[in-house]
Protein backbone atom coordinates (compact mmCIF):
# COMPACT_ATOMS: atom_id res chain seq x y z
CA MET A 1 -2.86 -1.38 -0.46
CA ALA A 2 -1.62 1.34 -2.80
CA PRO A 3 -2.07 2.50 -6.39
CA ILE A 4 -0.84 -0.36 -8.57
CA TRP A 5 1.54 1.95 -10.42
CA VAL A 6 3.69 2.48 -7.30
CA LEU A 7 4.29 -1.24 -6.80
CA PRO A 8 7.43 -1.40 -8.99
CA ASP A 9 9.14 0.87 -6.44
CA TYR A 10 8.60 -1.86 -3.84
CA PHE A 11 9.42 -5.01 -5.82
CA SER A 12 12.69 -5.52 -3.95
CA LEU A 13 10.96 -5.12 -0.58
CA ILE A 14 8.25 -7.60 -1.58
CA GLU A 15 10.88 -10.11 -2.70
CA ALA A 16 12.83 -9.68 0.55
CA SER A 17 9.68 -10.42 2.55
CA GLY A 18 9.48 -13.87 0.97
CA ALA A 19 6.08 -13.17 -0.56
CA ARG A 20 4.52 -16.12 -2.36
CA ARG A 21 1.43 -14.32 -3.68
CA LEU A 22 0.74 -10.68 -4.46
CA VAL A 23 -2.79 -9.26 -4.62
CA ALA A 24 -2.88 -5.88 -6.36
CA LEU A 25 -5.81 -3.49 -6.78
CA SER A 26 -6.21 -1.95 -10.21
CA SER A 27 -9.48 -0.52 -11.54
CA THR A 28 -12.04 -0.98 -14.31
CA SER A 29 -11.03 2.58 -15.23
CA ARG A 30 -8.35 0.95 -17.38
CA PHE A 31 -11.26 0.15 -19.73
CA THR A 32 -13.76 2.95 -19.10
CA LYS A 33 -11.34 5.89 -19.36
CA VAL A 34 -9.75 4.80 -22.63
CA GLY A 35 -10.70 7.37 -25.25
CA SER A 36 -11.84 9.90 -22.63
CA GLY A 37 -12.00 13.52 -23.71
CA ASP A 38 -9.78 14.31 -20.73
CA THR A 39 -6.07 13.69 -21.33
CA ALA A 40 -5.43 13.03 -17.63
CA GLU A 41 -8.06 10.28 -17.61
CA ASN A 42 -6.58 8.72 -20.74
CA ALA A 43 -3.22 8.76 -19.01
CA ILE A 44 -4.69 6.95 -16.01
CA ALA A 45 -6.10 4.20 -18.23
CA VAL A 46 -2.71 3.73 -19.89
CA LYS A 47 -0.94 3.82 -16.53
CA LEU A 48 -3.22 1.14 -15.10
CA ALA A 49 -2.79 -1.18 -18.08
CA GLU A 50 0.98 -0.75 -18.12
CA SER A 51 1.23 -1.24 -14.37
CA GLU A 52 -0.79 -4.45 -14.50
CA ALA A 53 1.57 -5.76 -17.19
CA ARG A 54 4.66 -4.82 -15.14
CA VAL A 55 3.34 -6.50 -12.00
CA GLN A 56 2.46 -9.67 -13.91
CA ALA A 57 5.81 -9.84 -15.72
CA TRP A 58 7.80 -9.26 -12.51
CA ALA A 59 5.80 -11.79 -10.48
CA GLU A 60 6.08 -14.48 -13.14
CA HIS A 61 9.83 -13.88 -13.46
CA ARG A 62 10.25 -14.24 -9.68
CA GLY A 63 7.95 -17.24 -9.35
CA ILE A 64 5.40 -15.29 -7.29
CA ASP A 65 1.68 -15.81 -7.80
CA TRP A 66 -0.16 -12.64 -8.76
CA VAL A 67 -3.84 -11.65 -8.59
CA VAL A 68 -5.10 -8.36 -10.02
CA LEU A 69 -8.49 -7.08 -8.84
CA ARG A 70 -10.31 -4.35 -10.77
CA PRO A 71 -13.16 -2.79 -8.77
CA THR A 72 -15.81 -0.61 -10.35
CA LEU A 73 -16.94 2.55 -8.51
CA ILE A 74 -16.00 1.95 -4.84
CA TYR A 75 -18.09 3.42 -2.02
CA GLY A 76 -18.57 2.90 1.69
CA LEU A 77 -17.62 4.02 5.20
CA GLY A 78 -17.73 7.69 4.18
CA GLN A 79 -14.13 7.66 2.99
CA ASP A 80 -14.37 7.20 -0.77
CA LYS A 81 -14.09 9.87 -3.44
CA ASN A 82 -17.27 8.90 -5.25
CA ILE A 83 -20.48 8.63 -3.23
CA SER A 84 -18.99 10.55 -0.31
CA GLU A 85 -18.20 13.53 -2.54
CA MET A 86 -21.75 13.45 -3.89
CA ALA A 87 -23.05 13.48 -0.32
CA ARG A 88 -20.88 16.44 0.64
CA PHE A 89 -22.01 18.35 -2.46
CA ILE A 90 -25.69 17.66 -1.73
CA ARG A 91 -25.35 18.64 1.93
CA ARG A 92 -23.76 21.95 1.00
CA LEU A 93 -25.91 22.97 -1.95
CA GLY A 94 -29.10 20.92 -1.62
CA PHE A 95 -29.09 19.77 -5.26
CA PHE A 96 -27.00 17.74 -7.69
CA PRO A 97 -26.34 18.62 -11.35
CA LEU A 98 -26.84 16.06 -14.11
CA LEU A 99 -25.90 16.12 -17.77
CA GLY A 100 -28.89 15.04 -19.86
CA ALA A 101 -30.98 12.07 -18.74
CA ALA A 102 -28.00 10.51 -16.89
CA GLN A 103 -29.31 7.02 -17.54
CA GLY A 104 -25.89 5.40 -17.90
CA LEU A 105 -25.77 2.20 -15.86
CA ARG A 106 -23.57 1.82 -12.80
CA GLN A 107 -22.59 -1.07 -10.54
CA PRO A 108 -21.12 0.42 -7.33
CA VAL A 109 -19.14 -2.00 -5.15
CA HIS A 110 -18.83 -1.60 -1.39
CA ALA A 111 -15.34 -1.19 0.08
CA GLN A 112 -15.94 -4.07 2.48
CA ASP A 113 -16.77 -6.38 -0.43
CA VAL A 114 -13.54 -5.31 -2.14
CA ALA A 115 -11.61 -6.00 1.07
CA ALA A 116 -13.20 -9.45 1.37
CA ALA A 117 -12.19 -10.22 -2.22
CA CYS A 118 -8.60 -9.18 -1.43
CA VAL A 119 -8.45 -11.55 1.53
CA ALA A 120 -10.00 -14.38 -0.48
CA ALA A 121 -7.57 -13.81 -3.35
CA LEU A 122 -4.62 -14.41 -1.00
CA GLN A 123 -5.61 -18.03 -0.52
CA ALA A 124 -8.02 -19.14 -3.27
CA PRO A 125 -6.19 -21.88 -5.25
CA GLY A 126 -7.90 -21.05 -8.55
CA ALA A 127 -7.13 -17.34 -8.34
CA ALA A 128 -3.39 -17.57 -8.99
CA ASN A 129 -2.14 -15.56 -11.96
CA ARG A 130 -5.54 -14.17 -12.89
CA ALA A 131 -7.26 -10.78 -13.09
CA TYR A 132 -10.82 -10.23 -11.90
CA ASN A 133 -13.40 -7.48 -12.29
CA LEU A 134 -15.16 -6.66 -9.01
CA SER A 135 -18.58 -5.09 -9.42
CA GLY A 136 -21.52 -4.52 -7.10
CA GLY A 137 -24.57 -6.70 -6.69
CA GLU A 138 -26.97 -4.21 -8.27
CA VAL A 139 -27.12 -2.37 -11.60
CA LEU A 140 -28.83 1.02 -11.57
CA SER A 141 -28.76 4.25 -13.55
CA TYR A 142 -26.52 7.15 -12.60
CA ARG A 143 -29.65 9.20 -11.90
CA ALA A 144 -31.04 6.52 -9.57
CA MET A 145 -27.68 6.21 -7.83
CA VAL A 146 -27.63 9.92 -7.01
CA ALA A 147 -31.25 9.77 -5.83
CA ARG A 148 -30.26 7.15 -3.25
CA VAL A 149 -27.65 9.50 -1.87
CA PHE A 150 -30.38 12.09 -1.30
CA ALA A 151 -32.46 9.39 0.42
CA VAL A 152 -29.77 8.31 2.88
CA LEU A 153 -29.19 11.97 3.76
CA GLY A 154 -32.91 12.46 4.36
CA ARG A 155 -33.06 15.21 1.74
CA PRO A 156 -35.68 15.74 -0.99
CA VAL A 157 -34.34 14.71 -4.39
CA ARG A 158 -33.36 17.81 -6.35
CA LEU A 159 -31.68 16.94 -9.64
CA ILE A 160 -30.90 19.77 -12.05
CA THR A 161 -30.13 19.14 -15.72
CA VAL A 162 -27.45 21.50 -17.01
CA PRO A 163 -25.69 21.86 -20.39
CA LEU A 164 -22.15 20.59 -20.91
CA TRP A 165 -20.63 24.07 -21.10
CA VAL A 166 -21.93 24.82 -17.59
CA PHE A 167 -20.35 21.60 -16.32
CA ARG A 168 -17.03 22.51 -17.88
CA TRP A 169 -17.09 25.96 -16.33
CA ALA A 170 -18.13 24.65 -12.89
CA VAL A 171 -15.51 21.90 -12.89
CA ALA A 172 -12.81 24.39 -13.87
CA MET A 173 -13.77 26.46 -10.83
CA LEU A 174 -14.04 23.49 -8.46
CA ARG A 175 -10.65 22.12 -9.47
CA CYS A 176 -9.07 25.11 -7.79
CA LEU A 177 -10.02 23.42 -4.50
CA PRO A 178 -7.87 20.44 -3.39
CA ARG A 179 -10.90 18.24 -2.66
CA TYR A 180 -12.16 18.52 -6.25
CA ARG A 181 -8.83 18.48 -8.06
CA HIS A 182 -9.60 15.05 -9.56
CA TRP A 183 -12.94 16.15 -11.06
CA SER A 184 -13.27 16.63 -14.83
CA ALA A 185 -15.95 17.43 -17.39
CA ALA A 186 -15.42 13.91 -18.78
CA MET A 187 -16.96 12.58 -15.57
CA ALA A 188 -20.19 14.35 -16.49
CA GLU A 189 -20.06 13.08 -20.06
CA ARG A 190 -19.97 9.49 -18.75
CA MET A 191 -23.26 9.95 -16.89
CA SER A 192 -25.00 8.55 -19.98
CA SER A 193 -22.52 5.72 -20.58
CA ASP A 194 -22.97 2.18 -19.22
CA LEU A 195 -20.08 1.22 -16.92
CA VAL A 196 -21.03 -2.29 -15.80
CA PHE A 197 -18.86 -5.39 -15.52
CA ASP A 198 -19.56 -9.07 -15.02
CA HIS A 199 -18.16 -10.45 -11.76
CA ALA A 200 -19.07 -14.09 -12.39
CA GLU A 201 -15.43 -15.23 -12.35
CA ALA A 202 -14.80 -13.48 -9.03
CA ALA A 203 -17.96 -15.05 -7.63
CA ARG A 204 -16.73 -18.47 -8.72
CA ASP A 205 -13.10 -18.26 -7.58
CA LEU A 206 -13.26 -15.74 -4.72
CA GLU A 207 -16.82 -16.45 -3.55
CA LEU A 208 -17.61 -12.78 -4.14
CA LYS A 209 -21.16 -12.00 -3.06
CA PRO A 210 -21.42 -8.23 -3.44
CA ARG A 211 -24.28 -6.41 -1.75
CA GLY A 212 -26.77 -4.26 -3.62
CA PHE A 213 -26.48 -0.50 -3.50
CA ALA A 214 -28.27 -0.12 -0.16
CA LEU A 215 -26.67 2.95 1.38
CA THR A 216 -26.61 3.33 5.16
CA ALA A 217 -25.69 6.31 7.32
CA GLU A 218 -22.16 4.93 7.86
CA ASP A 219 -21.56 4.94 4.09
CA VAL A 220 -21.63 8.73 3.88
CA PRO A 221 -19.52 11.32 5.72
CA PRO A 222 -20.97 12.59 9.03
């Protein structure tokens, strides 16, 4: 369980272990961050695509089955960098900023559902040498997703619409803090973009049955 782009550093170790199948986690970001206004995000998309290709080529050359799983926005157990960061922000400031209507569709997937897919992919006969998108069981707007974070925290929903230049300024300030170093203005720009993926193939081959976006107290930091 590591970023897929570090796997080439461990190919020899994996071979020495006698591995017969490798399950690697990538991300749907390889599709959604292509063409991003942020050069770092574009680089991530390229890195993911190239890493998937390297893993597949190496595994096929060594006669090892490979399975690549691409989750959408992962949340759960209060340890992610998506919903958990929203929760921390809301707890501290009591509001959450949105760019425009923020009606872009999302399909968050719970970490436990991703873990179950990983375990299933190790043994499912039909999963060998395939890549799967892993998405959640519910599609909702970005605005609605944030509102549910307020609800699980027991806070009144306070959403503030701000212009892009304010986002860019705020993100530049926040990135000085280690916790927010991965934030970018491009994240705000995607609030109005649909980032949904069909998981029918994963449901068929891995018996993926992702839950809806029903947040519980254990899904956000204490």
